[in-house]
Amino acid sequence: MALQKQRIDSFRKAMEEAQQAANSEEKSTAGDKYDTSRAMNQNVRDMNAKHLQEALKDLEMLQQIKGDVLSKEVRLGSVVKTSKGNYFISISAGQLKLGNEIYFAVSTLAPLGQAMLLKKAGDDFSFREQTMKIVEVF
């Protein structure tokens, strides 16, 4: 969660800086240059606002994970070992290394996460025309 909070702070800061840059643009005699620069800064601000909203949504998702609740079915917060790889069902955060093992953080909204939801150890599932077996869920 600390990494997600850093992402949020970074997007907030970038958004504020872009807004300040847009607000501080002085009208020049060139006219169009002022309007173009201001519009570009506003676009950067809007892009960072969108990223900020996504990061806040991901943080909310992470906060829903209950580490003290074990389930035999794949759900939010599950660690899943399959015949083709290891996964942490949370948010889409890429590759994570724990000890000597590699895990991929996958969102429940991603197609792979959807394919695994509610499956149990021993179940098969298909993803991108490949069949995988769930070996362990914890």
N, C-alpha and C. Protein backbone atom coordinates (compact mmCIF):
# COMPACT_ATOMS: atom_id res chain seq x y z
N MET A 1 0.81 -1.19 0.00
CA MET A 1 0.00 0.00 0.00
C MET A 1 0.86 1.26 0.00
N ALA A 2 2.05 1.16 0.58
CA ALA A 2 2.93 2.33 0.62
C ALA A 2 3.29 2.78 -0.80
N LEU A 3 3.54 1.82 -1.67
CA LEU A 3 3.87 2.16 -3.06
C LEU A 3 2.69 2.85 -3.74
N GLN A 4 1.49 2.37 -3.47
CA GLN A 4 0.30 2.98 -4.06
C GLN A 4 0.11 4.40 -3.54
N LYS A 5 0.38 4.62 -2.26
CA LYS A 5 0.27 5.96 -1.69
C LYS A 5 1.30 6.91 -2.30
N GLN A 6 2.49 6.38 -2.61
CA GLN A 6 3.51 7.19 -3.28
C GLN A 6 3.04 7.59 -4.67
N ARG A 7 2.41 6.65 -5.38
CA ARG A 7 1.88 6.95 -6.72
C ARG A 7 0.84 8.05 -6.63
N ILE A 8 -0.03 7.97 -5.64
CA ILE A 8 -1.08 8.98 -5.46
C ILE A 8 -0.46 10.34 -5.22
N ASP A 9 0.52 10.39 -4.32
CA ASP A 9 1.19 11.66 -4.02
C ASP A 9 1.87 12.23 -5.26
N SER A 10 2.48 11.36 -6.04
CA SER A 10 3.18 11.78 -7.26
C SER A 10 2.19 12.38 -8.27
N PHE A 11 1.07 11.72 -8.48
CA PHE A 11 0.07 12.24 -9.43
C PHE A 11 -0.53 13.55 -8.94
N ARG A 12 -0.78 13.64 -7.63
CA ARG A 12 -1.31 14.89 -7.07
C ARG A 12 -0.35 16.04 -7.31
N LYS A 13 0.92 15.79 -7.04
CA LYS A 13 1.95 16.82 -7.20
C LYS A 13 2.05 17.25 -8.67
N ALA A 14 2.09 16.29 -9.57
CA ALA A 14 2.20 16.60 -11.00
C ALA A 14 0.98 17.37 -11.48
N MET A 15 -0.18 17.01 -10.98
CA MET A 15 -1.41 17.71 -11.34
C MET A 15 -1.38 19.15 -10.86
N GLU A 16 -0.94 19.36 -9.62
CA GLU A 16 -0.86 20.71 -9.07
C GLU A 16 0.18 21.56 -9.81
N GLU A 17 1.32 20.94 -10.15
CA GLU A 17 2.35 21.68 -10.87
C GLU A 17 1.87 22.11 -12.25
N ALA A 18 1.16 21.23 -12.93
CA ALA A 18 0.63 21.57 -14.26
C ALA A 18 -0.40 22.69 -14.15
N GLN A 19 -1.24 22.63 -13.10
CA GLN A 19 -2.24 23.69 -12.90
C GLN A 19 -1.55 25.02 -12.61
N GLN A 20 -0.53 25.00 -11.77
CA GLN A 20 0.21 26.23 -11.46
C GLN A 20 0.88 26.79 -12.71
N ALA A 21 1.43 25.89 -13.54
CA ALA A 21 2.06 26.35 -14.78
C ALA A 21 1.04 26.99 -15.70
N ALA A 22 -0.14 26.40 -15.78
CA ALA A 22 -1.20 26.96 -16.63
C ALA A 22 -1.66 28.32 -16.09
N ASN A 23 -1.76 28.42 -14.77
CA ASN A 23 -2.22 29.67 -14.16
C ASN A 23 -1.18 30.78 -14.27
N SER A 24 0.10 30.41 -14.29
CA SER A 24 1.15 31.43 -14.27
C SER A 24 1.58 31.89 -15.67
N GLU A 25 1.04 31.24 -16.69
CA GLU A 25 1.38 31.67 -18.06
C GLU A 25 0.95 33.12 -18.25
N GLU A 26 1.87 33.89 -18.72
CA GLU A 26 1.55 35.30 -18.99
C GLU A 26 1.17 35.46 -20.45
N LYS A 27 0.23 36.32 -20.66
CA LYS A 27 -0.21 36.58 -22.02
C LYS A 27 0.92 37.29 -22.76
N SER A 28 1.29 36.72 -23.87
CA SER A 28 2.37 37.33 -24.65
C SER A 28 1.78 38.05 -25.85
N THR A 29 2.65 38.77 -26.52
CA THR A 29 2.20 39.48 -27.72
C THR A 29 1.93 38.49 -28.85
N ALA A 30 2.46 37.29 -28.69
CA ALA A 30 2.26 36.28 -29.74
C ALA A 30 0.83 35.75 -29.73
N GLY A 31 0.13 35.87 -28.61
CA GLY A 31 -1.28 35.46 -28.56
C GLY A 31 -1.46 33.96 -28.57
N ASP A 32 -1.29 33.34 -29.72
CA ASP A 32 -1.51 31.90 -29.85
C ASP A 32 -0.57 31.10 -28.96
N LYS A 33 0.66 31.59 -28.78
CA LYS A 33 1.63 30.89 -27.94
C LYS A 33 1.09 30.74 -26.52
N TYR A 34 0.50 31.78 -26.00
CA TYR A 34 -0.08 31.76 -24.64
C TYR A 34 -1.20 30.72 -24.57
N ASP A 35 -2.11 30.76 -25.52
CA ASP A 35 -3.25 29.85 -25.53
C ASP A 35 -2.80 28.40 -25.67
N THR A 36 -1.83 28.15 -26.55
CA THR A 36 -1.32 26.79 -26.77
C THR A 36 -0.64 26.26 -25.52
N SER A 37 0.21 27.06 -24.91
CA SER A 37 0.93 26.64 -23.71
C SER A 37 -0.04 26.37 -22.57
N ARG A 38 -1.00 27.23 -22.42
CA ARG A 38 -2.00 27.05 -21.35
C ARG A 38 -2.82 25.78 -21.58
N ALA A 39 -3.21 25.54 -22.82
CA ALA A 39 -3.98 24.34 -23.15
C ALA A 39 -3.15 23.07 -22.91
N MET A 40 -1.87 23.12 -23.26
CA MET A 40 -0.99 21.95 -23.04
C MET A 40 -0.87 21.66 -21.54
N ASN A 41 -0.68 22.71 -20.75
CA ASN A 41 -0.59 22.51 -19.30
C ASN A 41 -1.90 21.97 -18.73
N GLN A 42 -3.00 22.41 -19.27
CA GLN A 42 -4.30 21.92 -18.81
C GLN A 42 -4.47 20.44 -19.18
N ASN A 43 -3.99 20.05 -20.37
CA ASN A 43 -4.06 18.65 -20.78
C ASN A 43 -3.22 17.77 -19.86
N VAL A 44 -2.03 18.25 -19.49
CA VAL A 44 -1.16 17.51 -18.56
C VAL A 44 -1.87 17.36 -17.22
N ARG A 45 -2.49 18.43 -16.75
CA ARG A 45 -3.22 18.39 -15.48
C ARG A 45 -4.34 17.37 -15.55
N ASP A 46 -5.12 17.38 -16.63
CA ASP A 46 -6.23 16.45 -16.78
C ASP A 46 -5.75 15.00 -16.83
N MET A 47 -4.64 14.75 -17.53
CA MET A 47 -4.08 13.41 -17.61
C MET A 47 -3.67 12.92 -16.22
N ASN A 48 -3.01 13.80 -15.45
CA ASN A 48 -2.60 13.42 -14.10
C ASN A 48 -3.81 13.24 -13.18
N ALA A 49 -4.85 14.01 -13.39
CA ALA A 49 -6.08 13.84 -12.60
C ALA A 49 -6.69 12.47 -12.87
N LYS A 50 -6.66 12.04 -14.11
CA LYS A 50 -7.19 10.72 -14.47
C LYS A 50 -6.35 9.63 -13.80
N HIS A 51 -5.03 9.75 -13.88
CA HIS A 51 -4.15 8.77 -13.23
C HIS A 51 -4.36 8.77 -11.71
N LEU A 52 -4.56 9.93 -11.14
CA LEU A 52 -4.81 10.04 -9.70
C LEU A 52 -6.08 9.28 -9.33
N GLN A 53 -7.14 9.46 -10.09
CA GLN A 53 -8.40 8.76 -9.81
C GLN A 53 -8.21 7.24 -9.88
N GLU A 54 -7.46 6.78 -10.88
CA GLU A 54 -7.20 5.34 -11.02
C GLU A 54 -6.39 4.83 -9.83
N ALA A 55 -5.39 5.60 -9.40
CA ALA A 55 -4.56 5.20 -8.26
C ALA A 55 -5.38 5.17 -6.98
N LEU A 56 -6.27 6.13 -6.80
CA LEU A 56 -7.14 6.13 -5.62
C LEU A 56 -8.07 4.93 -5.61
N LYS A 57 -8.58 4.57 -6.79
CA LYS A 57 -9.46 3.41 -6.92
C LYS A 57 -8.68 2.13 -6.58
N ASP A 58 -7.43 2.04 -7.05
CA ASP A 58 -6.59 0.88 -6.74
C ASP A 58 -6.30 0.80 -5.24
N LEU A 59 -6.03 1.94 -4.60
CA LEU A 59 -5.78 1.95 -3.16
C LEU A 59 -7.01 1.45 -2.41
N GLU A 60 -8.18 1.91 -2.83
CA GLU A 60 -9.42 1.46 -2.21
C GLU A 60 -9.56 -0.06 -2.33
N MET A 61 -9.20 -0.59 -3.49
CA MET A 61 -9.27 -2.03 -3.72
C MET A 61 -8.30 -2.76 -2.78
N LEU A 62 -7.08 -2.25 -2.65
CA LEU A 62 -6.09 -2.87 -1.76
C LEU A 62 -6.57 -2.86 -0.31
N GLN A 63 -7.25 -1.80 0.08
CA GLN A 63 -7.73 -1.69 1.46
C GLN A 63 -8.85 -2.68 1.75
N GLN A 64 -9.46 -3.23 0.72
CA GLN A 64 -10.52 -4.22 0.91
C GLN A 64 -9.98 -5.61 1.17
N ILE A 65 -8.69 -5.82 0.93
CA ILE A 65 -8.10 -7.15 1.12
C ILE A 65 -8.01 -7.45 2.61
N LYS A 66 -8.58 -8.56 2.98
CA LYS A 66 -8.56 -9.01 4.36
C LYS A 66 -7.53 -10.15 4.47
N GLY A 67 -6.35 -9.82 4.97
CA GLY A 67 -5.26 -10.79 5.06
C GLY A 67 -5.49 -11.88 6.08
N ASP A 68 -6.43 -11.69 6.99
CA ASP A 68 -6.67 -12.68 8.03
C ASP A 68 -7.79 -13.66 7.67
N VAL A 69 -8.36 -13.53 6.49
CA VAL A 69 -9.45 -14.40 6.07
C VAL A 69 -8.93 -15.33 4.98
N LEU A 70 -8.96 -16.62 5.25
CA LEU A 70 -8.53 -17.60 4.26
C LEU A 70 -9.73 -18.12 3.50
N SER A 71 -9.54 -18.33 2.23
CA SER A 71 -10.60 -18.85 1.39
C SER A 71 -10.00 -19.92 0.49
N LYS A 72 -10.76 -20.94 0.24
CA LYS A 72 -10.30 -21.99 -0.66
C LYS A 72 -10.59 -21.63 -2.11
N GLU A 73 -11.42 -20.58 -2.29
CA GLU A 73 -11.75 -20.10 -3.63
C GLU A 73 -10.93 -18.86 -3.96
N VAL A 74 -10.62 -18.67 -5.22
CA VAL A 74 -9.89 -17.48 -5.67
C VAL A 74 -10.80 -16.28 -5.51
N ARG A 75 -10.30 -15.28 -4.82
CA ARG A 75 -11.03 -14.03 -4.58
C ARG A 75 -10.01 -12.92 -4.40
N LEU A 76 -10.50 -11.70 -4.18
CA LEU A 76 -9.62 -10.57 -3.91
C LEU A 76 -8.74 -10.90 -2.71
N GLY A 77 -7.43 -10.77 -2.88
CA GLY A 77 -6.48 -11.04 -1.81
C GLY A 77 -5.88 -12.43 -1.86
N SER A 78 -6.36 -13.29 -2.75
CA SER A 78 -5.83 -14.66 -2.84
C SER A 78 -4.46 -14.68 -3.50
N VAL A 79 -3.66 -15.62 -3.06
CA VAL A 79 -2.42 -15.96 -3.75
C VAL A 79 -2.72 -17.28 -4.45
N VAL A 80 -2.47 -17.32 -5.74
CA VAL A 80 -2.85 -18.47 -6.54
C VAL A 80 -1.63 -19.02 -7.27
N LYS A 81 -1.37 -20.30 -7.06
CA LYS A 81 -0.31 -20.97 -7.80
C LYS A 81 -0.99 -21.83 -8.86
N THR A 82 -0.57 -21.63 -10.11
CA THR A 82 -1.15 -22.39 -11.22
C THR A 82 -0.06 -23.19 -11.90
N SER A 83 -0.46 -23.98 -12.85
CA SER A 83 0.49 -24.78 -13.62
C SER A 83 1.37 -23.91 -14.52
N LYS A 84 0.99 -22.64 -14.70
CA LYS A 84 1.74 -21.75 -15.59
C LYS A 84 2.28 -20.51 -14.91
N GLY A 85 2.10 -20.37 -13.59
CA GLY A 85 2.62 -19.19 -12.92
C GLY A 85 1.91 -18.92 -11.61
N ASN A 86 2.43 -17.96 -10.88
CA ASN A 86 1.89 -17.58 -9.57
C ASN A 86 1.28 -16.18 -9.65
N TYR A 87 0.16 -16.00 -8.94
CA TYR A 87 -0.56 -14.74 -9.04
C TYR A 87 -1.02 -14.26 -7.66
N PHE A 88 -1.07 -12.95 -7.52
CA PHE A 88 -1.66 -12.30 -6.35
C PHE A 88 -2.86 -11.53 -6.88
N ILE A 89 -4.05 -11.91 -6.44
CA ILE A 89 -5.27 -11.30 -6.95
C ILE A 89 -5.52 -10.02 -6.14
N SER A 90 -5.25 -8.88 -6.77
CA SER A 90 -5.35 -7.60 -6.06
C SER A 90 -5.62 -6.48 -7.06
N ILE A 91 -4.58 -5.77 -7.44
CA ILE A 91 -4.65 -4.74 -8.47
C ILE A 91 -3.62 -5.10 -9.53
N SER A 92 -3.77 -4.57 -10.70
CA SER A 92 -2.78 -4.81 -11.75
C SER A 92 -1.53 -4.00 -11.42
N ALA A 93 -0.53 -4.70 -10.90
CA ALA A 93 0.69 -4.02 -10.47
C ALA A 93 1.94 -4.69 -11.02
N GLY A 94 1.77 -5.62 -11.93
CA GLY A 94 2.94 -6.23 -12.55
C GLY A 94 3.55 -7.33 -11.70
N GLN A 95 4.85 -7.50 -11.92
CA GLN A 95 5.59 -8.60 -11.32
C GLN A 95 6.06 -8.26 -9.90
N LEU A 96 5.88 -9.22 -9.00
CA LEU A 96 6.35 -9.08 -7.62
C LEU A 96 7.25 -10.27 -7.30
N LYS A 97 8.32 -10.03 -6.56
CA LYS A 97 9.21 -11.11 -6.19
C LYS A 97 9.14 -11.29 -4.68
N LEU A 98 8.88 -12.51 -4.26
CA LEU A 98 8.83 -12.85 -2.85
C LEU A 98 9.76 -14.04 -2.64
N GLY A 99 10.87 -13.79 -1.98
CA GLY A 99 11.88 -14.84 -1.85
C GLY A 99 12.42 -15.17 -3.23
N ASN A 100 12.37 -16.43 -3.57
CA ASN A 100 12.84 -16.87 -4.89
C ASN A 100 11.71 -17.03 -5.90
N GLU A 101 10.50 -16.68 -5.48
CA GLU A 101 9.35 -16.90 -6.37
C GLU A 101 8.84 -15.59 -6.95
N ILE A 102 8.36 -15.67 -8.18
CA ILE A 102 7.79 -14.54 -8.90
C ILE A 102 6.27 -14.69 -8.88
N TYR A 103 5.59 -13.59 -8.58
CA TYR A 103 4.13 -13.52 -8.60
C TYR A 103 3.75 -12.34 -9.50
N PHE A 104 2.59 -12.46 -10.11
CA PHE A 104 2.07 -11.36 -10.91
C PHE A 104 0.81 -10.84 -10.22
N ALA A 105 0.81 -9.55 -9.89
CA ALA A 105 -0.36 -8.92 -9.28
C ALA A 105 -1.37 -8.66 -10.38
N VAL A 106 -2.54 -9.28 -10.24
CA VAL A 106 -3.58 -9.23 -11.26
C VAL A 106 -4.88 -8.73 -10.63
N SER A 107 -5.54 -7.83 -11.30
CA SER A 107 -6.81 -7.30 -10.83
C SER A 107 -7.94 -8.31 -11.03
N THR A 108 -8.94 -8.22 -10.17
CA THR A 108 -10.13 -9.05 -10.36
C THR A 108 -10.91 -8.61 -11.58
N LEU A 109 -10.61 -7.41 -12.08
CA LEU A 109 -11.31 -6.90 -13.26
C LEU A 109 -10.61 -7.29 -14.56
N ALA A 110 -9.36 -7.73 -14.46
CA ALA A 110 -8.60 -8.14 -15.65
C ALA A 110 -9.13 -9.48 -16.16
N PRO A 111 -9.02 -9.74 -17.45
CA PRO A 111 -9.52 -11.02 -17.98
C PRO A 111 -8.94 -12.25 -17.28
N LEU A 112 -7.65 -12.22 -16.95
CA LEU A 112 -7.05 -13.36 -16.25
C LEU A 112 -7.63 -13.50 -14.85
N GLY A 113 -7.78 -12.39 -14.15
CA GLY A 113 -8.38 -12.43 -12.82
C GLY A 113 -9.80 -12.95 -12.87
N GLN A 114 -10.56 -12.51 -13.86
CA GLN A 114 -11.94 -12.97 -14.04
C GLN A 114 -11.98 -14.48 -14.28
N ALA A 115 -11.03 -14.98 -15.07
CA ALA A 115 -11.01 -16.40 -15.40
C ALA A 115 -10.73 -17.26 -14.17
N MET A 116 -9.99 -16.71 -13.19
CA MET A 116 -9.65 -17.48 -11.99
C MET A 116 -10.66 -17.34 -10.86
N LEU A 117 -11.44 -16.27 -10.85
CA LEU A 117 -12.36 -16.02 -9.73
C LEU A 117 -13.23 -17.23 -9.41
N LEU A 118 -13.33 -17.51 -8.11
CA LEU A 118 -14.16 -18.57 -7.54
C LEU A 118 -13.70 -19.98 -7.88
N LYS A 119 -12.57 -20.12 -8.53
CA LYS A 119 -12.00 -21.44 -8.78
C LYS A 119 -11.30 -21.92 -7.52
N LYS A 120 -11.08 -23.24 -7.41
CA LYS A 120 -10.42 -23.85 -6.26
C LYS A 120 -9.22 -24.66 -6.74
N ALA A 121 -8.38 -25.06 -5.80
CA ALA A 121 -7.25 -25.93 -6.12
C ALA A 121 -7.79 -27.18 -6.82
N GLY A 122 -7.14 -27.54 -7.91
CA GLY A 122 -7.57 -28.69 -8.71
C GLY A 122 -8.42 -28.30 -9.91
N ASP A 123 -9.01 -27.10 -9.89
CA ASP A 123 -9.84 -26.65 -11.01
C ASP A 123 -8.97 -26.21 -12.18
N ASP A 124 -9.52 -26.40 -13.38
CA ASP A 124 -8.90 -25.90 -14.60
C ASP A 124 -9.64 -24.64 -15.04
N PHE A 125 -8.93 -23.78 -15.75
CA PHE A 125 -9.56 -22.61 -16.35
C PHE A 125 -8.83 -22.29 -17.63
N SER A 126 -9.49 -21.57 -18.51
CA SER A 126 -8.89 -21.21 -19.80
C SER A 126 -8.65 -19.71 -19.85
N PHE A 127 -7.50 -19.38 -20.45
CA PHE A 127 -7.16 -17.98 -20.68
C PHE A 127 -6.31 -17.92 -21.94
N ARG A 128 -6.75 -17.10 -22.87
CA ARG A 128 -6.05 -16.94 -24.16
C ARG A 128 -5.76 -18.29 -24.81
N GLU A 129 -6.78 -19.10 -24.87
CA GLU A 129 -6.73 -20.40 -25.53
C GLU A 129 -5.73 -21.35 -24.89
N GLN A 130 -5.38 -21.12 -23.63
CA GLN A 130 -4.52 -22.03 -22.87
C GLN A 130 -5.30 -22.51 -21.66
N THR A 131 -5.15 -23.77 -21.36
CA THR A 131 -5.78 -24.31 -20.17
C THR A 131 -4.75 -24.36 -19.06
N MET A 132 -5.13 -23.85 -17.89
CA MET A 132 -4.24 -23.87 -16.74
C MET A 132 -4.95 -24.57 -15.59
N LYS A 133 -4.17 -25.16 -14.71
CA LYS A 133 -4.69 -25.83 -13.53
C LYS A 133 -4.30 -25.02 -12.31
N ILE A 134 -5.26 -24.82 -11.42
CA ILE A 134 -4.96 -24.16 -10.15
C ILE A 134 -4.40 -25.23 -9.21
N VAL A 135 -3.17 -24.99 -8.77
CA VAL A 135 -2.47 -25.94 -7.91
C VAL A 135 -2.77 -25.66 -6.44
N GLU A 136 -2.77 -24.37 -6.08
CA GLU A 136 -2.95 -24.00 -4.68
C GLU A 136 -3.56 -22.60 -4.59
N VAL A 137 -4.42 -22.41 -3.60
CA VAL A 137 -5.01 -21.10 -3.32
C VAL A 137 -4.84 -20.84 -1.83
N PHE A 138 -4.25 -19.70 -1.52
CA PHE A 138 -4.15 -19.32 -0.10
C PHE A 138 -4.20 -17.84 0.04
